[in-house]
Amino acid sequence: MLLKEVCTPEVVCCGAQTRVLQAAQLMRHKHVGDLVVVGDPQEDRVPLGIVTDRDLVVEVLGNGLDPATTTLGSLMHKPVVIANENEDTTTVVARMREHGVRRVPVVTGKARPSESSR
């Protein structure tokens, strides 16, 4: 089965300079548990990293950091593990296990988020 058949549509992206407080509010508003950090959320949506709701709790709150000043760029998992929408799910699951990640941005052939993430 191809990834594009099982992806969750409408990935939520933001820039590396986005503050954690803004990110948490965006996650709440969009009902998502992760954000794909990209170079330019409006234009060039090449994934640079990923930040999860757990990262916000464990890395920011757990370490006493200020969510109003901490940026996603300082938290994001990098290098980001990505997958192509035309890859087989078995191949991608093996890659996820190898890298110890639970979520990967799914990109089109142009290495842009394909409006899908899982």
PDB file of N, CA and C in Angstrom:
ATOM      1  N   MET A   1       0.849  -1.173   0.000  1.00  0.00           N
ATOM      2  CA  MET A   1       0.000   0.000   0.000  1.00  0.00           C
ATOM      3  C   MET A   1       0.896   1.238   0.000  1.00  0.00           C
ATOM      4  N   LEU A   2       0.506   2.236  -0.794  1.00  0.00           N
ATOM      5  CA  LEU A   2       1.277   3.463  -0.881  1.00  0.00           C
ATOM      6  C   LEU A   2       0.885   4.434   0.229  1.00  0.00           C
ATOM      7  N   LEU A   3       1.844   5.242   0.652  1.00  0.00           N
ATOM      8  CA  LEU A   3       1.592   6.215   1.722  1.00  0.00           C
ATOM      9  C   LEU A   3       0.451   7.165   1.385  1.00  0.00           C
ATOM     10  N   LYS A   4       0.370   7.588   0.133  1.00  0.00           N
ATOM     11  CA  LYS A   4      -0.662   8.560  -0.227  1.00  0.00           C
ATOM     12  C   LYS A   4      -2.068   8.009  -0.007  1.00  0.00           C
ATOM     13  N   GLU A   5      -2.193   6.703   0.151  1.00  0.00           N
ATOM     14  CA  GLU A   5      -3.485   6.082   0.404  1.00  0.00           C
ATOM     15  C   GLU A   5      -3.874   6.117   1.889  1.00  0.00           C
ATOM     16  N   VAL A   6      -2.914   6.371   2.783  1.00  0.00           N
ATOM     17  CA  VAL A   6      -3.204   6.333   4.218  1.00  0.00           C
ATOM     18  C   VAL A   6      -2.808   7.602   4.973  1.00  0.00           C
ATOM     19  N   CYS A   7      -2.260   8.577   4.283  1.00  0.00           N
ATOM     20  CA  CYS A   7      -1.813   9.815   4.940  1.00  0.00           C
ATOM     21  C   CYS A   7      -2.992  10.623   5.476  1.00  0.00           C
ATOM     22  N   THR A   8      -2.697  11.344   6.539  1.00  0.00           N
ATOM     23  CA  THR A   8      -3.646  12.310   7.071  1.00  0.00           C
ATOM     24  C   THR A   8      -3.467  13.600   6.287  1.00  0.00           C
ATOM     25  N   PRO A   9      -4.522  14.104   5.664  1.00  0.00           N
ATOM     26  CA  PRO A   9      -4.372  15.309   4.834  1.00  0.00           C
ATOM     27  C   PRO A   9      -4.198  16.575   5.674  1.00  0.00           C
ATOM     28  N   GLU A  10      -3.745  17.614   5.018  1.00  0.00           N
ATOM     29  CA  GLU A  10      -3.633  18.952   5.590  1.00  0.00           C
ATOM     30  C   GLU A  10      -2.659  19.050   6.755  1.00  0.00           C
ATOM     31  N   VAL A  11      -1.407  18.833   6.436  1.00  0.00           N
ATOM     32  CA  VAL A  11      -0.341  19.005   7.421  1.00  0.00           C
ATOM     33  C   VAL A  11      -0.274  20.474   7.816  1.00  0.00           C
ATOM     34  N   VAL A  12       0.074  20.729   9.059  1.00  0.00           N
ATOM     35  CA  VAL A  12       0.204  22.099   9.548  1.00  0.00           C
ATOM     36  C   VAL A  12       1.692  22.420   9.633  1.00  0.00           C
ATOM     37  N   CYS A  13       2.084  23.488   8.942  1.00  0.00           N
ATOM     38  CA  CYS A  13       3.485  23.894   8.886  1.00  0.00           C
ATOM     39  C   CYS A  13       3.682  25.249   9.549  1.00  0.00           C
ATOM     40  N   CYS A  14       4.888  25.485   9.996  1.00  0.00           N
ATOM     41  CA  CYS A  14       5.258  26.794  10.513  1.00  0.00           C
ATOM     42  C   CYS A  14       6.767  26.940  10.388  1.00  0.00           C
ATOM     43  N   GLY A  15       7.253  28.148  10.601  1.00  0.00           N
ATOM     44  CA  GLY A  15       8.675  28.422  10.474  1.00  0.00           C
ATOM     45  C   GLY A  15       9.455  28.136  11.744  1.00  0.00           C
ATOM     46  N   ALA A  16      10.755  28.071  11.615  1.00  0.00           N
ATOM     47  CA  ALA A  16      11.637  27.780  12.746  1.00  0.00           C
ATOM     48  C   ALA A  16      11.610  28.886  13.792  1.00  0.00           C
ATOM     49  N   GLN A  17      11.248  30.096  13.410  1.00  0.00           N
ATOM     50  CA  GLN A  17      11.209  31.215  14.345  1.00  0.00           C
ATOM     51  C   GLN A  17       9.888  31.317  15.104  1.00  0.00           C
ATOM     52  N   THR A  18       8.943  30.422  14.805  1.00  0.00           N
ATOM     53  CA  THR A  18       7.668  30.400  15.518  1.00  0.00           C
ATOM     54  C   THR A  18       7.928  30.111  16.993  1.00  0.00           C
ATOM     55  N   ARG A  19       7.303  30.877  17.863  1.00  0.00           N
ATOM     56  CA  ARG A  19       7.458  30.691  19.309  1.00  0.00           C
ATOM     57  C   ARG A  19       6.609  29.500  19.764  1.00  0.00           C
ATOM     58  N   VAL A  20       7.044  28.831  20.807  1.00  0.00           N
ATOM     59  CA  VAL A  20       6.357  27.655  21.334  1.00  0.00           C
ATOM     60  C   VAL A  20       4.912  27.985  21.716  1.00  0.00           C
ATOM     61  N   LEU A  21       4.685  29.137  22.314  1.00  0.00           N
ATOM     62  CA  LEU A  21       3.330  29.527  22.692  1.00  0.00           C
ATOM     63  C   LEU A  21       2.428  29.606  21.466  1.00  0.00           C
ATOM     64  N   GLN A  22       2.914  30.199  20.385  1.00  0.00           N
ATOM     65  CA  GLN A  22       2.144  30.265  19.145  1.00  0.00           C
ATOM     66  C   GLN A  22       1.915  28.862  18.593  1.00  0.00           C
ATOM     67  N   ALA A  23       2.921  28.022  18.665  1.00  0.00           N
ATOM     68  CA  ALA A  23       2.813  26.656  18.158  1.00  0.00           C
ATOM     69  C   ALA A  23       1.753  25.873  18.929  1.00  0.00           C
ATOM     70  N   ALA A  24       1.758  26.000  20.246  1.00  0.00           N
ATOM     71  CA  ALA A  24       0.758  25.296  21.066  1.00  0.00           C
ATOM     72  C   ALA A  24      -0.647  25.773  20.720  1.00  0.00           C
ATOM     73  N   GLN A  25      -0.800  27.065  20.514  1.00  0.00           N
ATOM     74  CA  GLN A  25      -2.112  27.593  20.149  1.00  0.00           C
ATOM     75  C   GLN A  25      -2.530  27.103  18.773  1.00  0.00           C
ATOM     76  N   LEU A  26      -1.589  27.019  17.846  1.00  0.00           N
ATOM     77  CA  LEU A  26      -1.883  26.510  16.507  1.00  0.00           C
ATOM     78  C   LEU A  26      -2.273  25.038  16.561  1.00  0.00           C
ATOM     79  N   MET A  27      -1.560  24.243  17.357  1.00  0.00           N
ATOM     80  CA  MET A  27      -1.895  22.822  17.506  1.00  0.00           C
ATOM     81  C   MET A  27      -3.307  22.655  18.057  1.00  0.00           C
ATOM     82  N   ARG A  28      -3.632  23.465  19.040  1.00  0.00           N
ATOM     83  CA  ARG A  28      -4.972  23.400  19.639  1.00  0.00           C
ATOM     84  C   ARG A  28      -6.039  23.801  18.624  1.00  0.00           C
ATOM     85  N   HIS A  29      -5.797  24.870  17.914  1.00  0.00           N
ATOM     86  CA  HIS A  29      -6.773  25.367  16.937  1.00  0.00           C
ATOM     87  C   HIS A  29      -6.979  24.377  15.785  1.00  0.00           C
ATOM     88  N   LYS A  30      -5.890  23.765  15.325  1.00  0.00           N
ATOM     89  CA  LYS A  30      -5.951  22.836  14.186  1.00  0.00           C
ATOM     90  C   LYS A  30      -6.189  21.379  14.606  1.00  0.00           C
ATOM     91  N   HIS A  31      -6.202  21.122  15.925  1.00  0.00           N
ATOM     92  CA  HIS A  31      -6.419  19.761  16.446  1.00  0.00           C
ATOM     93  C   HIS A  31      -5.372  18.776  15.926  1.00  0.00           C
ATOM     94  N   VAL A  32      -4.096  19.163  16.041  1.00  0.00           N
ATOM     95  CA  VAL A  32      -2.999  18.301  15.608  1.00  0.00           C
ATOM     96  C   VAL A  32      -2.006  18.123  16.741  1.00  0.00           C
ATOM     97  N   GLY A  33      -1.216  17.074  16.658  1.00  0.00           N
ATOM     98  CA  GLY A  33      -0.225  16.788  17.690  1.00  0.00           C
ATOM     99  C   GLY A  33       1.196  17.047  17.256  1.00  0.00           C
ATOM    100  N   ASP A  34       1.371  17.546  16.027  1.00  0.00           N
ATOM    101  CA  ASP A  34       2.717  17.877  15.571  1.00  0.00           C
ATOM    102  C   ASP A  34       2.650  18.987  14.536  1.00  0.00           C
ATOM    103  N   LEU A  35       3.780  19.660  14.375  1.00  0.00           N
ATOM    104  CA  LEU A  35       3.936  20.696  13.362  1.00  0.00           C
ATOM    105  C   LEU A  35       5.191  20.388  12.568  1.00  0.00           C
ATOM    106  N   VAL A  36       5.095  20.525  11.260  1.00  0.00           N
ATOM    107  CA  VAL A  36       6.265  20.372  10.414  1.00  0.00           C
ATOM    108  C   VAL A  36       6.907  21.750  10.300  1.00  0.00           C
ATOM    109  N   VAL A  37       8.163  21.831  10.694  1.00  0.00           N
ATOM    110  CA  VAL A  37       8.898  23.093  10.634  1.00  0.00           C
ATOM    111  C   VAL A  37       9.536  23.177   9.246  1.00  0.00           C
ATOM    112  N   VAL A  38       9.233  24.274   8.543  1.00  0.00           N
ATOM    113  CA  VAL A  38       9.705  24.451   7.170  1.00  0.00           C
ATOM    114  C   VAL A  38      10.470  25.758   7.042  1.00  0.00           C
ATOM    115  N   GLY A  39      11.244  25.867   5.952  1.00  0.00           N
ATOM    116  CA  GLY A  39      12.017  27.077   5.714  1.00  0.00           C
ATOM    117  C   GLY A  39      11.139  28.296   5.528  1.00  0.00           C
ATOM    118  N   ASP A  40      10.084  28.176   4.749  1.00  0.00           N
ATOM    119  CA  ASP A  40       9.166  29.287   4.490  1.00  0.00           C
ATOM    120  C   ASP A  40       7.755  28.717   4.395  1.00  0.00           C
ATOM    121  N   PRO A  41       6.926  28.921   5.421  1.00  0.00           N
ATOM    122  CA  PRO A  41       5.581  28.327   5.437  1.00  0.00           C
ATOM    123  C   PRO A  41       4.680  28.792   4.290  1.00  0.00           C
ATOM    124  N   GLN A  42       4.970  29.955   3.718  1.00  0.00           N
ATOM    125  CA  GLN A  42       4.134  30.483   2.647  1.00  0.00           C
ATOM    126  C   GLN A  42       4.586  30.018   1.261  1.00  0.00           C
ATOM    127  N   GLU A  43       5.861  29.772   1.088  1.00  0.00           N
ATOM    128  CA  GLU A  43       6.397  29.459  -0.236  1.00  0.00           C
ATOM    129  C   GLU A  43       7.047  28.082  -0.288  1.00  0.00           C
ATOM    130  N   ASP A  44       8.295  28.027   0.121  1.00  0.00           N
ATOM    131  CA  ASP A  44       9.108  26.827  -0.002  1.00  0.00           C
ATOM    132  C   ASP A  44       8.918  25.944   1.223  1.00  0.00           C
ATOM    133  N   ARG A  45       7.994  25.006   1.147  1.00  0.00           N
ATOM    134  CA  ARG A  45       7.636  24.198   2.306  1.00  0.00           C
ATOM    135  C   ARG A  45       8.477  22.928   2.400  1.00  0.00           C
ATOM    136  N   VAL A  46       9.781  23.086   2.344  1.00  0.00           N
ATOM    137  CA  VAL A  46      10.691  21.948   2.500  1.00  0.00           C
ATOM    138  C   VAL A  46      10.855  21.686   3.992  1.00  0.00           C
ATOM    139  N   PRO A  47      10.583  20.461   4.439  1.00  0.00           N
ATOM    140  CA  PRO A  47      10.690  20.152   5.871  1.00  0.00           C
ATOM    141  C   PRO A  47      12.120  20.282   6.398  1.00  0.00           C
ATOM    142  N   LEU A  48      12.242  21.032   7.506  1.00  0.00           N
ATOM    143  CA  LEU A  48      13.522  21.172   8.197  1.00  0.00           C
ATOM    144  C   LEU A  48      13.552  20.334   9.469  1.00  0.00           C
ATOM    145  N   GLY A  49      12.387  20.118  10.042  1.00  0.00           N
ATOM    146  CA  GLY A  49      12.275  19.378  11.293  1.00  0.00           C
ATOM    147  C   GLY A  49      10.821  19.172  11.645  1.00  0.00           C
ATOM    148  N   ILE A  50      10.590  18.566  12.785  1.00  0.00           N
ATOM    149  CA  ILE A  50       9.232  18.320  13.257  1.00  0.00           C
ATOM    150  C   ILE A  50       9.216  18.531  14.766  1.00  0.00           C
ATOM    151  N   VAL A  51       8.114  19.062  15.272  1.00  0.00           N
ATOM    152  CA  VAL A  51       7.933  19.286  16.705  1.00  0.00           C
ATOM    153  C   VAL A  51       6.584  18.694  17.095  1.00  0.00           C
ATOM    154  N   THR A  52       6.570  17.948  18.190  1.00  0.00           N
ATOM    155  CA  THR A  52       5.334  17.317  18.655  1.00  0.00           C
ATOM    156  C   THR A  52       4.834  18.000  19.929  1.00  0.00           C
ATOM    157  N   ASP A  53       3.577  17.723  20.253  1.00  0.00           N
ATOM    158  CA  ASP A  53       3.016  18.256  21.488  1.00  0.00           C
ATOM    159  C   ASP A  53       3.806  17.750  22.693  1.00  0.00           C
ATOM    160  N   ARG A  54       4.320  16.558  22.624  1.00  0.00           N
ATOM    161  CA  ARG A  54       5.136  16.007  23.705  1.00  0.00           C
ATOM    162  C   ARG A  54       6.424  16.807  23.875  1.00  0.00           C
ATOM    163  N   ASP A  55       7.016  17.240  22.763  1.00  0.00           N
ATOM    164  CA  ASP A  55       8.217  18.086  22.839  1.00  0.00           C
ATOM    165  C   ASP A  55       7.937  19.366  23.613  1.00  0.00           C
ATOM    166  N   LEU A  56       6.769  19.943  23.385  1.00  0.00           N
ATOM    167  CA  LEU A  56       6.422  21.185  24.071  1.00  0.00           C
ATOM    168  C   LEU A  56       6.347  20.966  25.575  1.00  0.00           C
ATOM    169  N   VAL A  57       5.787  19.842  25.973  1.00  0.00           N
ATOM    170  CA  VAL A  57       5.646  19.549  27.399  1.00  0.00           C
ATOM    171  C   VAL A  57       6.988  19.167  28.013  1.00  0.00           C
ATOM    172  N   VAL A  58       7.661  18.184  27.437  1.00  0.00           N
ATOM    173  CA  VAL A  58       8.877  17.645  28.033  1.00  0.00           C
ATOM    174  C   VAL A  58      10.062  18.612  27.919  1.00  0.00           C
ATOM    175  N   GLU A  59      10.267  19.179  26.750  1.00  0.00           N
ATOM    176  CA  GLU A  59      11.445  20.015  26.533  1.00  0.00           C
ATOM    177  C   GLU A  59      11.271  21.453  27.010  1.00  0.00           C
ATOM    178  N   VAL A  60      10.060  21.991  26.887  1.00  0.00           N
ATOM    179  CA  VAL A  60       9.854  23.390  27.279  1.00  0.00           C
ATOM    180  C   VAL A  60       9.384  23.471  28.725  1.00  0.00           C
ATOM    181  N   LEU A  61       8.218  22.950  29.000  1.00  0.00           N
ATOM    182  CA  LEU A  61       7.693  23.030  30.364  1.00  0.00           C
ATOM    183  C   LEU A  61       8.553  22.245  31.343  1.00  0.00           C
ATOM    184  N   GLY A  62       8.979  21.055  30.944  1.00  0.00           N
ATOM    185  CA  GLY A  62       9.787  20.216  31.826  1.00  0.00           C
ATOM    186  C   GLY A  62      11.135  20.816  32.177  1.00  0.00           C
ATOM    187  N   ASN A  63      11.637  21.683  31.317  1.00  0.00           N
ATOM    188  CA  ASN A  63      12.936  22.329  31.572  1.00  0.00           C
ATOM    189  C   ASN A  63      12.789  23.775  32.022  1.00  0.00           C
ATOM    190  N   GLY A  64      11.559  24.195  32.278  1.00  0.00           N
ATOM    191  CA  GLY A  64      11.331  25.544  32.773  1.00  0.00           C
ATOM    192  C   GLY A  64      11.622  26.640  31.764  1.00  0.00           C
ATOM    193  N   LEU A  65      11.560  26.321  30.460  1.00  0.00           N
ATOM    194  CA  LEU A  65      11.794  27.329  29.432  1.00  0.00           C
ATOM    195  C   LEU A  65      10.545  28.184  29.250  1.00  0.00           C
ATOM    196  N   ASP A  66      10.717  29.374  28.742  1.00  0.00           N
ATOM    197  CA  ASP A  66       9.613  30.296  28.527  1.00  0.00           C
ATOM    198  C   ASP A  66       8.998  30.031  27.147  1.00  0.00           C
ATOM    199  N   PRO A  67       7.745  29.573  27.095  1.00  0.00           N
ATOM    200  CA  PRO A  67       7.118  29.285  25.801  1.00  0.00           C
ATOM    201  C   PRO A  67       6.888  30.534  24.954  1.00  0.00           C
ATOM    202  N   ALA A  68       6.924  31.700  25.568  1.00  0.00           N
ATOM    203  CA  ALA A  68       6.736  32.943  24.820  1.00  0.00           C
ATOM    204  C   ALA A  68       8.003  33.378  24.090  1.00  0.00           C
ATOM    205  N   THR A  69       9.156  32.816  24.484  1.00  0.00           N
ATOM    206  CA  THR A  69      10.411  33.219  23.843  1.00  0.00           C
ATOM    207  C   THR A  69      11.148  32.064  23.168  1.00  0.00           C
ATOM    208  N   THR A  70      10.858  30.834  23.546  1.00  0.00           N
ATOM    209  CA  THR A  70      11.523  29.667  22.951  1.00  0.00           C
ATOM    210  C   THR A  70      10.972  29.433  21.551  1.00  0.00           C
ATOM    211  N   THR A  71      11.859  29.197  20.588  1.00  0.00           N
ATOM    212  CA  THR A  71      11.435  28.974  19.209  1.00  0.00           C
ATOM    213  C   THR A  71      11.407  27.482  18.873  1.00  0.00           C
ATOM    214  N   LEU A  72      10.630  27.154  17.860  1.00  0.00           N
ATOM    215  CA  LEU A  72      10.562  25.759  17.410  1.00  0.00           C
ATOM    216  C   LEU A  72      11.891  25.296  16.836  1.00  0.00           C
ATOM    217  N   GLY A  73      12.643  26.228  16.261  1.00  0.00           N
ATOM    218  CA  GLY A  73      13.950  25.871  15.716  1.00  0.00           C
ATOM    219  C   GLY A  73      14.879  25.273  16.749  1.00  0.00           C
ATOM    220  N   SER A  74      14.706  25.667  17.997  1.00  0.00           N
ATOM    221  CA  SER A  74      15.563  25.128  19.065  1.00  0.00           C
ATOM    222  C   SER A  74      15.067  23.781  19.575  1.00  0.00           C
ATOM    223  N   LEU A  75      13.861  23.387  19.186  1.00  0.00           N
ATOM    224  CA  LEU A  75      13.275  22.133  19.668  1.00  0.00           C
ATOM    225  C   LEU A  75      13.159  21.044  18.618  1.00  0.00           C
ATOM    226  N   MET A  76      13.070  21.433  17.367  1.00  0.00           N
ATOM    227  CA  MET A  76      12.690  20.481  16.323  1.00  0.00           C
ATOM    228  C   MET A  76      13.666  19.327  16.208  1.00  0.00           C
ATOM    229  N   HIS A  77      13.106  18.185  15.864  1.00  0.00           N
ATOM    230  CA  HIS A  77      13.895  16.988  15.611  1.00  0.00           C
ATOM    231  C   HIS A  77      14.526  17.122  14.238  1.00  0.00           C
ATOM    232  N   LYS A  78      15.854  17.029  14.211  1.00  0.00           N
ATOM    233  CA  LYS A  78      16.547  17.113  12.939  1.00  0.00           C
ATOM    234  C   LYS A  78      17.748  16.189  12.964  1.00  0.00           C
ATOM    235  N   PRO A  79      18.182  15.669  11.880  1.00  0.00           N
ATOM    236  CA  PRO A  79      17.531  15.857  10.601  1.00  0.00           C
ATOM    237  C   PRO A  79      16.169  15.173  10.586  1.00  0.00           C
ATOM    238  N   VAL A  80      15.262  15.754   9.864  1.00  0.00           N
ATOM    239  CA  VAL A  80      13.907  15.230   9.799  1.00  0.00           C
ATOM    240  C   VAL A  80      13.888  13.999   8.892  1.00  0.00           C
ATOM    241  N   VAL A  81      13.179  12.978   9.328  1.00  0.00           N
ATOM    242  CA  VAL A  81      12.987  11.775   8.524  1.00  0.00           C
ATOM    243  C   VAL A  81      11.738  12.016   7.689  1.00  0.00           C
ATOM    244  N   ILE A  82      11.873  11.957   6.370  1.00  0.00           N
ATOM    245  CA  ILE A  82      10.725  12.189   5.500  1.00  0.00           C
ATOM    246  C   ILE A  82      10.429  10.959   4.668  1.00  0.00           C
ATOM    247  N   ALA A  83       9.267  10.963   4.061  1.00  0.00           N
ATOM    248  CA  ALA A  83       8.867   9.875   3.181  1.00  0.00           C
ATOM    249  C   ALA A  83       8.201  10.474   1.952  1.00  0.00           C
ATOM    250  N   ASN A  84       8.248   9.745   0.872  1.00  0.00           N
ATOM    251  CA  ASN A  84       7.595  10.172  -0.359  1.00  0.00           C
ATOM    252  C   ASN A  84       6.220   9.525  -0.435  1.00  0.00           C
ATOM    253  N   GLU A  85       5.249  10.275  -0.924  1.00  0.00           N
ATOM    254  CA  GLU A  85       3.875   9.784  -1.002  1.00  0.00           C
ATOM    255  C   GLU A  85       3.734   8.508  -1.824  1.00  0.00           C
ATOM    256  N   ASN A  86       4.689   8.231  -2.703  1.00  0.00           N
ATOM    257  CA  ASN A  86       4.617   7.035  -3.545  1.00  0.00           C
ATOM    258  C   ASN A  86       5.398   5.849  -2.989  1.00  0.00           C
ATOM    259  N   GLU A  87       5.921   5.985  -1.782  1.00  0.00           N
ATOM    260  CA  GLU A  87       6.637   4.871  -1.149  1.00  0.00           C
ATOM    261  C   GLU A  87       5.648   3.882  -0.552  1.00  0.00           C
ATOM    262  N   ASP A  88       6.100   2.655  -0.449  1.00  0.00           N
ATOM    263  CA  ASP A  88       5.299   1.613   0.191  1.00  0.00           C
ATOM    264  C   ASP A  88       5.326   1.816   1.706  1.00  0.00           C
ATOM    265  N   THR A  89       4.201   1.606   2.350  1.00  0.00           N
ATOM    266  CA  THR A  89       4.104   1.828   3.794  1.00  0.00           C
ATOM    267  C   THR A  89       5.082   0.953   4.576  1.00  0.00           C
ATOM    268  N   THR A  90       5.323  -0.255   4.118  1.00  0.00           N
ATOM    269  CA  THR A  90       6.239  -1.161   4.820  1.00  0.00           C
ATOM    270  C   THR A  90       7.652  -0.585   4.856  1.00  0.00           C
ATOM    271  N   THR A  91       8.080  -0.002   3.770  1.00  0.00           N
ATOM    272  CA  THR A  91       9.406   0.612   3.685  1.00  0.00           C
ATOM    273  C   THR A  91       9.518   1.779   4.653  1.00  0.00           C
ATOM    274  N   VAL A  92       8.484   2.590   4.705  1.00  0.00           N
ATOM    275  CA  VAL A  92       8.507   3.773   5.568  1.00  0.00           C
ATOM    276  C   VAL A  92       8.445   3.382   7.042  1.00  0.00           C
ATOM    277  N   VAL A  93       7.650   2.389   7.389  1.00  0.00           N
ATOM    278  CA  VAL A  93       7.577   1.927   8.774  1.00  0.00           C
ATOM    279  C   VAL A  93       8.949   1.414   9.220  1.00  0.00           C
ATOM    280  N   ALA A  94       9.642   0.707   8.346  1.00  0.00           N
ATOM    281  CA  ALA A  94      10.990   0.228   8.685  1.00  0.00           C
ATOM    282  C   ALA A  94      11.932   1.409   8.922  1.00  0.00           C
ATOM    283  N   ARG A  95      11.839   2.456   8.098  1.00  0.00           N
ATOM    284  CA  ARG A  95      12.671   3.646   8.270  1.00  0.00           C
ATOM    285  C   ARG A  95      12.345   4.341   9.580  1.00  0.00           C
ATOM    286  N   MET A  96      11.062   4.417   9.911  1.00  0.00           N
ATOM    287  CA  MET A  96      10.647   5.050  11.166  1.00  0.00           C
ATOM    288  C   MET A  96      11.222   4.292  12.364  1.00  0.00           C
ATOM    289  N   ARG A  97      11.169   2.979  12.316  1.00  0.00           N
ATOM    290  CA  ARG A  97      11.737   2.165  13.406  1.00  0.00           C
ATOM    291  C   ARG A  97      13.235   2.375  13.521  1.00  0.00           C
ATOM    292  N   GLU A  98      13.902   2.401  12.380  1.00  0.00           N
ATOM    293  CA  GLU A  98      15.358   2.587  12.356  1.00  0.00           C
ATOM    294  C   GLU A  98      15.764   3.907  13.022  1.00  0.00           C
ATOM    295  N   HIS A  99      14.969   4.947  12.808  1.00  0.00           N
ATOM    296  CA  HIS A  99      15.289   6.270  13.348  1.00  0.00           C
ATOM    297  C   HIS A  99      14.575   6.579  14.665  1.00  0.00           C
ATOM    298  N   GLY A 100      13.715   5.669  15.116  1.00  0.00           N
ATOM    299  CA  GLY A 100      13.024   5.860  16.384  1.00  0.00           C
ATOM    300  C   GLY A 100      12.030   7.006  16.378  1.00  0.00           C
ATOM    301  N   VAL A 101      11.311   7.190  15.263  1.00  0.00           N
ATOM    302  CA  VAL A 101      10.313   8.257  15.169  1.00  0.00           C
ATOM    303  C   VAL A 101       8.922   7.662  14.958  1.00  0.00           C
ATOM    304  N   ARG A 102       7.925   8.420  15.395  1.00  0.00           N
ATOM    305  CA  ARG A 102       6.537   7.971  15.265  1.00  0.00           C
ATOM    306  C   ARG A 102       5.775   8.717  14.187  1.00  0.00           C
ATOM    307  N   ARG A 103       6.330   9.838  13.724  1.00  0.00           N
ATOM    308  CA  ARG A 103       5.651  10.661  12.722  1.00  0.00           C
ATOM    309  C   ARG A 103       6.657  11.112  11.686  1.00  0.00           C
ATOM    310  N   VAL A 104       6.243  11.117  10.435  1.00  0.00           N
ATOM    311  CA  VAL A 104       7.104  11.615   9.360  1.00  0.00           C
ATOM    312  C   VAL A 104       6.287  12.482   8.419  1.00  0.00           C
ATOM    313  N   PRO A 105       6.868  13.590   7.972  1.00  0.00           N
ATOM    314  CA  PRO A 105       6.206  14.359   6.917  1.00  0.00           C
ATOM    315  C   PRO A 105       6.260  13.565   5.617  1.00  0.00           C
ATOM    316  N   VAL A 106       5.195  13.603   4.886  1.00  0.00           N
ATOM    317  CA  VAL A 106       5.122  12.935   3.596  1.00  0.00           C
ATOM    318  C   VAL A 106       5.209  14.009   2.524  1.00  0.00           C
ATOM    319  N   VAL A 107       6.133  13.825   1.574  1.00  0.00           N
ATOM    320  CA  VAL A 107       6.367  14.818   0.542  1.00  0.00           C
ATOM    321  C   VAL A 107       6.021  14.275  -0.835  1.00  0.00           C
ATOM    322  N   THR A 108       5.837  15.199  -1.761  1.00  0.00           N
ATOM    323  CA  THR A 108       5.652  14.823  -3.161  1.00  0.00           C
ATOM    324  C   THR A 108       7.030  14.616  -3.759  1.00  0.00           C
ATOM    325  N   GLY A 109       7.100  14.350  -5.033  1.00  0.00           N
ATOM    326  CA  GLY A 109       8.384  14.165  -5.709  1.00  0.00           C
ATOM    327  C   GLY A 109       9.266  15.383  -5.645  1.00  0.00           C
ATOM    328  N   LYS A 110       8.701  16.556  -5.327  1.00  0.00           N
ATOM    329  CA  LYS A 110       9.464  17.794  -5.271  1.00  0.00           C
ATOM    330  C   LYS A 110      10.005  18.061  -3.870  1.00  0.00           C
ATOM    331  N   ALA A 111       9.881  17.123  -2.949  1.00  0.00           N
ATOM    332  CA  ALA A 111      10.350  17.245  -1.563  1.00  0.00           C
ATOM    333  C   ALA A 111       9.628  18.356  -0.815  1.00  0.00           C
ATOM    334  N   ARG A 112       8.358  18.546  -1.097  1.00  0.00           N
ATOM    335  CA  ARG A 112       7.522  19.508  -0.372  1.00  0.00           C
ATOM    336  C   ARG A 112       6.461  18.713   0.371  1.00  0.00           C
ATOM    337  N   PRO A 113       6.029  19.183   1.530  1.00  0.00           N
ATOM    338  CA  PRO A 113       4.928  18.471   2.173  1.00  0.00           C
ATOM    339  C   PRO A 113       3.744  18.386   1.219  1.00  0.00           C
ATOM    340  N   SER A 114       3.179  17.216   1.101  1.00  0.00           N
ATOM    341  CA  SER A 114       2.125  16.988   0.118  1.00  0.00           C
ATOM    342  C   SER A 114       0.750  17.215   0.713  1.00  0.00           C
ATOM    343  N   GLU A 115       0.675  18.128   1.682  1.00  0.00           N
ATOM    344  CA  GLU A 115      -0.573  18.341   2.416  1.00  0.00           C
ATOM    345  C   GLU A 115      -0.935  17.073   3.165  1.00  0.00           C
ATOM    346  N   SER A 116       0.063  16.223   3.445  1.00  0.00           N
ATOM    347  CA  SER A 116      -0.168  14.993   4.187  1.00  0.00           C
ATOM    348  C   SER A 116       0.945  14.764   5.184  1.00  0.00           C
ATOM    349  N   SER A 117       0.583  14.215   6.321  1.00  0.00           N
ATOM    350  CA  SER A 117       1.578  13.886   7.330  1.00  0.00           C
ATOM    351  C   SER A 117       1.012  12.784   8.190  1.00  0.00           C
ATOM    352  N   ARG A 118       1.885  11.970   8.733  1.00  0.00           N
ATOM    353  CA  ARG A 118       1.413  10.917   9.625  1.00  0.00           C
ATOM    354  C   ARG A 118       2.422  10.663  10.681  1.00  0.00           C
TER     355      ARG A 118
END
